[in-house]
Amino acid sequence: MKLEPEMWDALDEICRREQITLHEVCSLVAERHRGNNLTAAMRVFILGYFRVAATEAGHSSAGHGRPSAPRRRPALAVAAD
């Protein structure tokens, strides 16, 4: 499976937080995904995991969603291709 380094880092973090192995995560995703593209299913899993984990407090501390507040640099940067 070919993933970007950031996706591997995210998977490592998920494994650490959930106290499971990378093999266990991959097996879970492989059992539940539809279609034949496991790499895409893994990206969707990672996105879903962190979307569920996102909180209003986290958004506030990162400066998201407060247009009246002074603009701060976003916590997440998009890498240029």
C-alpha atoms as a PDB file:
ATOM      1  CA  MET A   1       0.000   0.000   0.000  1.00  0.00           C
ATOM      2  CA  LYS A   2       1.443   3.337  -1.045  1.00  0.00           C
ATOM      3  CA  LEU A   3       0.567   6.297   1.195  1.00  0.00           C
ATOM      4  CA  GLU A   4       2.038   9.728   1.677  1.00  0.00           C
ATOM      5  CA  PRO A   5       4.389  10.151   4.676  1.00  0.00           C
ATOM      6  CA  GLU A   6       1.742  12.247   6.444  1.00  0.00           C
ATOM      7  CA  MET A   7      -0.766   9.409   6.121  1.00  0.00           C
ATOM      8  CA  TRP A   8       1.710   6.952   7.628  1.00  0.00           C
ATOM      9  CA  ASP A   9       2.292   9.412  10.471  1.00  0.00           C
ATOM     10  CA  ALA A  10      -1.471   9.639  11.000  1.00  0.00           C
ATOM     11  CA  LEU A  11      -1.750   5.843  11.064  1.00  0.00           C
ATOM     12  CA  ASP A  12       1.062   5.661  13.605  1.00  0.00           C
ATOM     13  CA  GLU A  13      -0.768   8.188  15.765  1.00  0.00           C
ATOM     14  CA  ILE A  14      -4.032   6.247  15.513  1.00  0.00           C
ATOM     15  CA  CYS A  15      -2.238   3.061  16.544  1.00  0.00           C
ATOM     16  CA  ARG A  16      -0.618   4.806  19.494  1.00  0.00           C
ATOM     17  CA  ARG A  17      -3.884   6.403  20.651  1.00  0.00           C
ATOM     18  CA  GLU A  18      -5.922   3.218  20.273  1.00  0.00           C
ATOM     19  CA  GLN A  19      -3.137   0.905  21.484  1.00  0.00           C
ATOM     20  CA  ILE A  20      -3.438  -1.383  18.480  1.00  0.00           C
ATOM     21  CA  THR A  21      -0.967  -2.493  15.844  1.00  0.00           C
ATOM     22  CA  LEU A  22      -0.755  -1.203  12.302  1.00  0.00           C
ATOM     23  CA  HIS A  23      -1.617  -4.714  11.140  1.00  0.00           C
ATOM     24  CA  GLU A  24      -4.830  -4.623  13.195  1.00  0.00           C
ATOM     25  CA  VAL A  25      -5.862  -1.272  11.685  1.00  0.00           C
ATOM     26  CA  CYS A  26      -5.130  -2.450   8.150  1.00  0.00           C
ATOM     27  CA  SER A  27      -7.053  -5.686   8.729  1.00  0.00           C
ATOM     28  CA  LEU A  28     -10.048  -3.778  10.098  1.00  0.00           C
ATOM     29  CA  VAL A  29     -10.121  -1.415   7.110  1.00  0.00           C
ATOM     30  CA  ALA A  30      -9.607  -4.283   4.639  1.00  0.00           C
ATOM     31  CA  GLU A  31     -12.548  -6.198   6.137  1.00  0.00           C
ATOM     32  CA  ARG A  32     -14.911  -3.227   6.023  1.00  0.00           C
ATOM     33  CA  HIS A  33     -14.051  -1.354   2.818  1.00  0.00           C
ATOM     34  CA  ARG A  34     -16.062  -1.647  -0.341  1.00  0.00           C
ATOM     35  CA  GLY A  35     -14.351  -1.931  -3.665  1.00  0.00           C
ATOM     36  CA  ASN A  36     -10.828  -2.966  -4.457  1.00  0.00           C
ATOM     37  CA  ASN A  37      -8.781   0.124  -3.595  1.00  0.00           C
ATOM     38  CA  LEU A  38      -7.416  -0.456  -0.103  1.00  0.00           C
ATOM     39  CA  THR A  39      -5.204   2.640  -0.260  1.00  0.00           C
ATOM     40  CA  ALA A  40      -8.208   4.893  -0.866  1.00  0.00           C
ATOM     41  CA  ALA A  41     -10.133   3.101   1.890  1.00  0.00           C
ATOM     42  CA  MET A  42      -7.243   3.713   4.281  1.00  0.00           C
ATOM     43  CA  ARG A  43      -7.225   7.447   3.468  1.00  0.00           C
ATOM     44  CA  VAL A  44     -10.987   7.610   4.085  1.00  0.00           C
ATOM     45  CA  PHE A  45     -10.535   5.775   7.395  1.00  0.00           C
ATOM     46  CA  ILE A  46      -7.825   8.201   8.529  1.00  0.00           C
ATOM     47  CA  LEU A  47      -9.925  11.211   7.572  1.00  0.00           C
ATOM     48  CA  GLY A  48     -12.960   9.802   9.344  1.00  0.00           C
ATOM     49  CA  TYR A  49     -10.979   9.003  12.478  1.00  0.00           C
ATOM     50  CA  PHE A  50      -9.676  12.532  12.848  1.00  0.00           C
ATOM     51  CA  ARG A  51     -12.994  14.139  11.881  1.00  0.00           C
ATOM     52  CA  VAL A  52     -14.695  12.272  14.703  1.00  0.00           C
ATOM     53  CA  ALA A  53     -11.876  13.278  17.047  1.00  0.00           C
ATOM     54  CA  ALA A  54     -12.134  16.977  16.135  1.00  0.00           C
ATOM     55  CA  THR A  55     -13.776  19.180  18.768  1.00  0.00           C
ATOM     56  CA  GLU A  56     -14.931  22.781  18.928  1.00  0.00           C
ATOM     57  CA  ALA A  57     -12.243  23.447  21.537  1.00  0.00           C
ATOM     58  CA  GLY A  58      -9.609  22.160  19.134  1.00  0.00           C
ATOM     59  CA  HIS A  59     -10.883  24.391  16.350  1.00  0.00           C
ATOM     60  CA  SER A  60     -10.924  27.416  18.639  1.00  0.00           C
ATOM     61  CA  SER A  61      -7.361  26.877  19.820  1.00  0.00           C
ATOM     62  CA  ALA A  62      -6.234  26.577  16.184  1.00  0.00           C
ATOM     63  CA  GLY A  63      -8.008  29.809  15.263  1.00  0.00           C
ATOM     64  CA  HIS A  64     -10.667  28.189  13.075  1.00  0.00           C
ATOM     65  CA  GLY A  65     -14.215  29.456  12.750  1.00  0.00           C
ATOM     66  CA  ARG A  66     -13.762  32.887  14.343  1.00  0.00           C
ATOM     67  CA  PRO A  67     -13.939  35.453  11.541  1.00  0.00           C
ATOM     68  CA  SER A  68     -14.253  38.378  13.987  1.00  0.00           C
ATOM     69  CA  ALA A  69     -11.074  37.391  15.827  1.00  0.00           C
ATOM     70  CA  PRO A  70      -7.666  38.426  14.510  1.00  0.00           C
ATOM     71  CA  ARG A  71      -6.600  36.011  11.792  1.00  0.00           C
ATOM     72  CA  ARG A  72      -3.896  33.617  12.870  1.00  0.00           C
ATOM     73  CA  ARG A  73      -1.942  31.315  10.667  1.00  0.00           C
ATOM     74  CA  PRO A  74      -3.796  27.974  10.374  1.00  0.00           C
ATOM     75  CA  ALA A  75      -2.357  25.104  12.400  1.00  0.00           C
ATOM     76  CA  LEU A  76      -2.370  22.878   9.318  1.00  0.00           C
ATOM     77  CA  ALA A  77      -0.297  23.822   6.320  1.00  0.00           C
ATOM     78  CA  VAL A  78      -0.901  22.506   2.825  1.00  0.00           C
ATOM     79  CA  ALA A  79       2.250  21.318   1.134  1.00  0.00           C
ATOM     80  CA  ALA A  80       2.942  22.701  -2.314  1.00  0.00           C
ATOM     81  CA  ASP A  81       3.374  20.152  -5.086  1.00  0.00           C
END
